[in-house]
């Protein structure tokens, strides 16, 4: 039985997130696999083209930097586009689970495919915003590091500790700011999917809905990002130690060293596929929670289910006549 729509706190939203994830585990896994495989295919193609071009026409230093920059931008924007299109399918599946309507992997993917142009444009806007923040943070970090290094060289090594400290502070601040912006525009995909908004309009709608809830969304995103990083690091460390041990015991250290990068790639991909669906599920629940709190969406759904908002649809080629207004009764003026 589908739980009724009602306002929920952060703990209830996260609990409901994992309930939906467990109930449709393989569906969300299949949706999460799509952007990973698509992006890896594109990355393999662009990397192969770069190596072929470098072999045919050896690049100079500037040409190598230019090609690396172009390919990195293509892969960066492509990753956001693939992820956002797949997120829309997961958002649709989550919404169907919340509202108690039937859905399947095919219907969710078809729903995302119909509006792929809108999601592509939103992904481009979000990626551009994140890129500006990352580049600004990197510029500030390197500028501050250069200034501190120059000052430390003139006054001695007493300020050497300040270089890594300021660099770490700038990195943490940049990530926090990027997560804040991402939290404020996270509702753009549900707004596009369920309110038929486009581009800037969906971002504005998301910014408005997250006015009072951005802290919970920010905490959820930060927790998910930390979970991805910690899980990936722990598994890479564990498998690295196992491969080092096997290479030492079997006397094949070079073979194990060459296998380390493919193994870490498989680990990172697996961690993303397993934890990635948590984001669209949670964002959809946050979206509905804010619509319930701010706009009474739960009452609207109850009225729709009771048929209280149904409108009269005329037959084809006919118009609905306006209701006749009875004339006012004749009144005799007082004598």
Protein backbone atom coordinates (compact mmCIF):
# COMPACT_ATOMS: atom_id res chain seq x y z
CA UNK A 1 0.00 0.00 0.00
CA UNK A 2 1.34 3.43 -0.96
CA UNK A 3 1.80 5.76 2.05
CA UNK A 4 -0.30 8.95 1.88
CA UNK A 5 1.36 12.19 0.91
CA UNK A 6 2.34 14.26 3.95
CA UNK A 7 5.18 16.51 5.12
CA UNK A 8 8.27 14.58 6.27
CA UNK A 9 11.41 15.48 8.16
CA UNK A 10 14.93 14.68 6.99
CA UNK A 11 15.08 11.29 8.71
CA UNK A 12 11.75 10.19 7.26
CA UNK A 13 12.77 11.28 3.77
CA UNK A 14 16.01 9.30 3.94
CA UNK A 15 14.19 6.27 5.33
CA UNK A 16 11.63 6.47 2.54
CA UNK A 17 14.47 6.86 0.03
CA UNK A 18 16.03 3.54 0.99
CA UNK A 19 12.61 1.85 1.09
CA UNK A 20 11.93 2.86 -2.53
CA UNK A 21 15.47 1.90 -3.54
CA UNK A 22 15.15 -1.57 -2.03
CA UNK A 23 11.70 -2.14 -3.52
CA UNK A 24 12.92 -1.39 -7.08
CA UNK A 25 16.61 -2.18 -6.71
CA UNK A 26 17.29 -3.66 -10.16
CA UNK A 27 15.28 -0.99 -11.96
CA UNK A 28 17.37 1.80 -10.43
CA UNK A 29 20.57 -0.15 -11.02
CA UNK A 30 19.74 -0.49 -14.71
CA UNK A 31 19.01 3.24 -14.95
CA UNK A 32 22.29 4.09 -13.17
CA UNK A 33 24.29 1.87 -15.54
CA UNK A 34 23.24 3.79 -18.64
CA UNK A 35 25.13 7.08 -18.11
CA UNK A 36 28.26 5.22 -16.95
CA UNK A 37 28.43 3.01 -20.03
CA UNK A 38 27.54 5.87 -22.40
CA UNK A 39 30.17 8.16 -20.90
CA UNK A 40 32.83 5.45 -20.92
CA UNK A 41 32.09 4.75 -24.57
CA UNK A 42 32.46 8.44 -25.42
CA UNK A 43 35.62 8.70 -23.32
CA UNK A 44 37.16 5.70 -25.10
CA UNK A 45 36.33 7.17 -28.50
CA UNK A 46 37.75 10.63 -27.72
CA UNK A 47 40.88 9.14 -26.15
CA UNK A 48 41.43 6.88 -29.16
CA UNK A 49 41.00 9.79 -31.57
CA UNK A 50 43.49 11.83 -29.58
CA UNK A 51 46.12 9.07 -29.66
CA UNK A 52 45.57 8.40 -33.36
CA UNK A 53 45.90 12.11 -34.15
CA UNK A 54 49.05 12.32 -32.02
CA UNK A 55 50.59 9.39 -33.89
CA UNK A 56 49.72 10.71 -37.35
CA UNK A 57 50.65 14.30 -36.57
CA UNK A 58 52.92 14.62 -33.55
CA UNK A 59 51.60 17.52 -31.44
CA UNK A 60 53.71 20.18 -29.94
CA UNK A 61 53.36 21.14 -26.31
CA UNK A 62 50.71 23.82 -26.93
CA UNK A 63 48.77 21.53 -29.25
CA UNK A 64 48.75 18.78 -26.65
CA UNK A 65 47.45 21.14 -23.99
CA UNK A 66 44.76 22.47 -26.34
CA UNK A 67 43.56 18.99 -27.31
CA UNK A 68 43.53 17.87 -23.68
CA UNK A 69 41.49 20.93 -22.74
CA UNK A 70 38.95 20.37 -25.55
CA UNK A 71 38.54 16.68 -24.73
CA UNK A 72 38.22 17.38 -21.02
CA UNK A 73 35.44 19.90 -21.67
CA UNK A 74 33.63 17.48 -23.97
CA UNK A 75 33.83 14.68 -21.41
CA UNK A 76 32.83 17.03 -18.57
CA UNK A 77 29.66 18.25 -20.27
CA UNK A 78 28.85 14.81 -21.68
CA UNK A 79 28.98 13.30 -18.20
CA UNK A 80 26.47 15.85 -16.88
CA UNK A 81 24.17 15.32 -19.85
CA UNK A 82 24.18 11.52 -19.55
CA UNK A 83 23.66 11.71 -15.79
CA UNK A 84 20.80 14.22 -15.98
CA UNK A 85 18.91 12.25 -18.63
CA UNK A 86 19.20 9.10 -16.52
CA UNK A 87 18.26 11.04 -13.38
CA UNK A 88 15.02 12.09 -15.06
CA UNK A 89 14.14 8.44 -15.59
CA UNK A 90 14.87 7.67 -11.93
CA UNK A 91 12.82 10.72 -10.89
CA UNK A 92 9.89 9.43 -12.92
CA UNK A 93 10.16 5.96 -11.33
CA UNK A 94 10.34 7.51 -7.85
CA UNK A 95 7.34 9.75 -8.52
CA UNK A 96 5.29 6.78 -9.72
CA UNK A 97 6.22 4.91 -6.54
CA UNK A 98 5.27 7.88 -4.34
CA UNK A 99 1.94 8.51 -6.10
CA UNK A 100 1.09 4.82 -6.43
CA UNK A 101 0.91 4.71 -10.23
CA UNK A 102 2.23 1.87 -12.33
CA UNK A 103 5.66 2.15 -13.90
CA UNK A 104 8.44 0.08 -15.37
CA UNK A 105 11.97 0.56 -16.61
CA UNK A 106 10.70 0.96 -20.17
CA UNK A 107 8.12 3.61 -19.28
CA UNK A 108 10.64 5.54 -17.16
CA UNK A 109 13.26 5.55 -19.92
CA UNK A 110 10.65 6.53 -22.50
CA UNK A 111 9.59 9.41 -20.28
CA UNK A 112 13.21 10.63 -20.15
CA UNK A 113 13.77 10.14 -23.88
CA UNK A 114 10.79 12.29 -24.86
CA UNK A 115 12.20 15.34 -23.05
CA UNK A 116 15.90 14.73 -23.61
CA UNK A 117 16.43 18.16 -25.20
CA UNK A 118 15.17 19.93 -22.08
CA UNK A 119 17.32 17.80 -19.78
CA UNK A 120 20.34 18.35 -22.01
CA UNK A 121 19.90 22.12 -21.81
CA UNK A 122 19.46 21.99 -18.01
CA UNK A 123 22.54 19.76 -17.71
CA UNK A 124 24.52 22.27 -19.76
CA UNK A 125 23.44 25.14 -17.48
CA UNK A 126 24.22 23.20 -14.29
CA UNK A 127 27.58 22.00 -15.61
CA UNK A 128 28.50 25.55 -16.60
CA UNK A 129 27.64 26.82 -13.11
CA UNK A 130 29.70 24.07 -11.48
CA UNK A 131 32.59 24.68 -13.88
CA UNK A 132 32.66 28.39 -13.07
CA UNK A 133 32.76 27.62 -9.35
CA UNK A 134 35.50 25.01 -9.75
CA UNK A 135 37.65 27.25 -11.93
CA UNK A 136 37.15 30.21 -9.58
CA UNK A 137 38.11 28.10 -6.57
CA UNK A 138 41.17 26.75 -8.39
CA UNK A 139 42.26 30.26 -9.41
CA UNK A 140 41.89 31.60 -5.86
CA UNK A 141 43.70 28.59 -4.42
CA UNK A 142 46.67 28.92 -6.77
CA UNK A 143 46.80 32.72 -6.35
CA UNK A 144 46.77 32.51 -2.56
CA UNK A 145 49.34 29.72 -2.66
CA UNK A 146 51.62 31.78 -4.91
CA UNK A 147 51.33 34.84 -2.64
CA UNK A 148 51.98 32.83 0.52
CA UNK A 149 54.94 31.08 -1.14
CA UNK A 150 56.41 34.41 -2.18
CA UNK A 151 55.96 35.86 1.30
CA UNK A 152 57.36 32.73 2.95
CA UNK A 153 60.46 32.86 0.74
CA UNK A 154 61.15 36.41 1.88
CA UNK A 155 60.53 36.00 5.61
CA UNK A 156 61.74 32.44 6.04
CA UNK A 157 60.06 29.12 6.55
CA UNK A 158 57.91 30.18 9.45
CA UNK A 159 54.86 30.52 7.17
CA UNK A 160 55.39 27.26 5.30
CA UNK A 161 52.51 25.64 7.21
CA UNK A 162 50.12 28.27 5.85
CA UNK A 163 50.39 27.05 2.25
CA UNK A 164 48.68 23.63 2.66
CA UNK A 165 46.29 25.09 5.24
CA UNK A 166 45.03 27.83 2.94
CA UNK A 167 44.90 25.44 -0.01
CA UNK A 168 42.79 23.00 1.99
CA UNK A 169 40.50 25.79 3.22
CA UNK A 170 40.02 27.09 -0.32
CA UNK A 171 39.24 23.58 -1.61
CA UNK A 172 36.71 22.87 1.15
CA UNK A 173 35.07 26.27 0.63
CA UNK A 174 34.84 25.70 -3.12
CA UNK A 175 33.23 22.29 -2.69
CA UNK A 176 30.79 23.64 -0.09
CA UNK A 177 29.80 26.49 -2.40
CA UNK A 178 29.37 24.14 -5.34
CA UNK A 179 27.19 21.81 -3.27
CA UNK A 180 25.11 24.81 -2.14
CA UNK A 181 24.47 25.90 -5.71
CA UNK A 182 23.77 22.30 -6.72
CA UNK A 183 21.32 21.94 -3.82
CA UNK A 184 19.46 25.10 -4.84
CA UNK A 185 18.98 23.91 -8.43
CA UNK A 186 18.46 20.21 -7.72
CA UNK A 187 14.68 20.46 -8.18
CA UNK A 188 15.09 21.57 -11.80
CA UNK A 189 14.71 18.01 -13.12
CA UNK A 190 11.46 17.28 -11.20
CA UNK A 191 10.15 20.72 -12.14
CA UNK A 192 10.84 20.03 -15.80
CA UNK A 193 9.39 16.53 -15.62
CA UNK A 194 6.18 17.26 -13.72
CA UNK A 195 5.49 20.96 -14.29
CA UNK A 196 6.50 21.18 -17.95
CA UNK A 197 9.03 23.95 -17.31
CA UNK A 198 12.03 24.68 -19.50
CA UNK A 199 15.63 25.75 -18.94
CA UNK A 200 15.90 28.90 -16.84
CA UNK A 201 12.31 28.56 -15.68
CA UNK A 202 13.00 25.20 -14.08
CA UNK A 203 16.11 26.56 -12.36
CA UNK A 204 14.13 29.52 -11.00
CA UNK A 205 11.41 27.17 -9.80
CA UNK A 206 14.00 25.02 -8.03
CA UNK A 207 15.62 28.08 -6.45
CA UNK A 208 12.23 29.16 -5.09
CA UNK A 209 11.25 25.75 -3.71
CA UNK A 210 14.59 25.23 -1.92
CA UNK A 211 14.49 28.55 -0.08
CA UNK A 212 13.81 26.83 3.26
CA UNK A 213 14.94 23.28 2.51
CA UNK A 214 18.38 23.77 0.95
CA UNK A 215 20.16 22.79 4.19
CA UNK A 216 18.59 19.31 4.20
CA UNK A 217 19.33 18.90 0.50
CA UNK A 218 22.89 20.11 1.04
CA UNK A 219 23.42 17.64 3.89
CA UNK A 220 22.05 14.81 1.76
CA UNK A 221 24.33 15.69 -1.16
CA UNK A 222 27.35 16.09 1.12
CA UNK A 223 26.63 12.76 2.80
CA UNK A 224 26.22 11.00 -0.55
CA UNK A 225 29.44 12.52 -1.89
CA UNK A 226 31.31 11.54 1.28
CA UNK A 227 29.89 8.01 1.04
CA UNK A 228 31.04 7.72 -2.57
CA UNK A 229 34.53 8.96 -1.75
CA UNK A 230 35.00 6.88 1.41
CA UNK A 231 33.64 3.69 -0.16
CA UNK A 232 35.76 4.13 -3.26
CA UNK A 233 38.92 4.89 -1.26
CA UNK A 234 38.40 2.00 1.19
CA UNK A 235 37.79 -0.55 -1.57
CA UNK A 236 40.74 0.68 -3.61
CA UNK A 237 43.00 0.44 -0.56
CA UNK A 238 41.72 -3.05 0.29
CA UNK A 239 42.11 -4.42 -3.24
CA UNK A 240 45.47 -2.68 -3.58
CA UNK A 241 46.78 -4.48 -0.52
CA UNK A 242 45.39 -7.81 -1.76
CA UNK A 243 46.98 -7.35 -5.19
CA UNK A 244 50.29 -6.35 -3.60
CA UNK A 245 50.20 -9.47 -1.44
CA UNK A 246 49.32 -11.74 -4.37
CA UNK A 247 52.01 -10.18 -6.53
CA UNK A 248 54.59 -10.77 -3.80
CA UNK A 249 53.48 -14.35 -3.13
CA UNK A 250 53.08 -15.38 -6.77
CA UNK A 251 56.17 -13.42 -7.87
CA UNK A 252 54.22 -11.39 -10.46
CA UNK A 253 54.41 -7.82 -9.07
CA UNK A 254 54.52 -6.22 -12.53
CA UNK A 255 51.34 -8.01 -13.61
CA UNK A 256 49.48 -6.93 -10.49
CA UNK A 257 50.75 -3.38 -10.89
CA UNK A 258 49.38 -3.28 -14.45
CA UNK A 259 46.03 -4.65 -13.26
CA UNK A 260 45.66 -2.05 -10.52
CA UNK A 261 44.23 0.73 -12.72
CA UNK A 262 41.57 -1.47 -14.40
CA UNK A 263 40.57 -2.84 -11.01
CA UNK A 264 40.24 0.62 -9.48
CA UNK A 265 38.16 1.72 -12.49
CA UNK A 266 35.77 -1.20 -11.99
CA UNK A 267 35.56 -0.39 -8.27
CA UNK A 268 34.73 3.27 -8.89
CA UNK A 269 32.10 2.38 -11.50
CA UNK A 270 30.50 -0.18 -9.22
CA UNK A 271 30.36 2.23 -6.27
CA UNK A 272 28.70 4.90 -8.42
CA UNK A 273 26.14 2.47 -9.83
CA UNK A 274 25.23 1.27 -6.33
CA UNK A 275 25.05 4.65 -4.60
CA UNK A 276 24.08 6.87 -7.54
CA UNK A 277 20.30 6.14 -7.49
CA UNK A 278 20.04 7.54 -3.95
CA UNK A 279 20.32 11.10 -5.31
CA UNK A 280 17.31 11.18 -7.69
CA UNK A 281 15.11 9.28 -5.23
CA UNK A 282 15.90 11.69 -2.38
CA UNK A 283 15.58 14.76 -4.59
CA UNK A 284 12.12 13.67 -5.77
CA UNK A 285 10.97 13.16 -2.18
CA UNK A 286 12.36 16.57 -1.17
CA UNK A 287 10.58 18.11 -4.16
CA UNK A 288 7.20 16.68 -3.22
CA UNK A 289 7.76 17.55 0.45
CA UNK A 290 8.29 21.21 -0.40
CA UNK A 291 5.27 21.30 -2.70
CA UNK A 292 3.18 19.80 0.10
CA UNK A 293 4.45 22.31 2.67
CA UNK A 294 4.30 25.39 0.47
CA UNK A 295 1.47 24.67 -1.97
CA UNK A 296 -0.71 21.99 -0.37
CA UNK A 297 0.04 19.45 -3.07
CA UNK A 298 -1.31 16.60 -0.92
CA UNK A 299 -4.74 18.26 -0.80
CA UNK A 300 -4.58 18.85 -4.54
CA UNK A 301 -3.94 15.14 -5.12
CA UNK A 302 -6.84 14.18 -2.85
CA UNK A 303 -9.15 16.49 -4.78
CA UNK A 304 -7.96 15.03 -8.09
CA UNK A 305 -8.54 11.46 -6.86
CA UNK A 306 -12.04 12.46 -5.72
CA UNK A 307 -12.80 14.00 -9.13
CA UNK A 308 -13.35 17.46 -7.68
CA UNK A 309 -11.09 19.18 -10.19
CA UNK A 310 -12.41 17.43 -13.31
CA UNK A 311 -13.39 19.68 -16.19
CA UNK A 312 -16.09 19.03 -18.76
CA UNK A 313 -14.61 17.88 -22.06
CA UNK A 314 -16.92 18.51 -25.06
CA UNK A 315 -17.26 16.03 -27.89
CA UNK A 316 -15.10 16.52 -30.93
CA UNK A 317 -16.21 19.52 -32.98
CA UNK A 318 -18.54 20.89 -30.31
CA UNK A 319 -18.23 23.57 -27.71
CA UNK A 320 -19.52 23.64 -24.19
CA UNK A 321 -22.34 26.12 -23.92
CA UNK A 322 -22.08 28.66 -21.18
CA UNK A 323 -24.58 28.12 -18.40
CA UNK A 324 -27.71 30.16 -18.81
CA UNK A 325 -28.17 32.94 -16.28
CA UNK A 326 -31.70 33.33 -15.06
CA UNK A 327 -33.09 36.84 -15.48
CA UNK A 328 -33.64 38.85 -12.39
CA UNK A 329 -37.24 38.81 -11.18
CA UNK A 330 -39.34 41.84 -11.94
CA UNK A 331 -39.60 44.13 -8.99
CA UNK A 332 -42.36 46.63 -8.49
CA UNK A 333 -40.98 49.95 -7.36
CA UNK A 334 -42.37 51.14 -4.09
CA UNK A 335 -45.15 53.68 -4.36
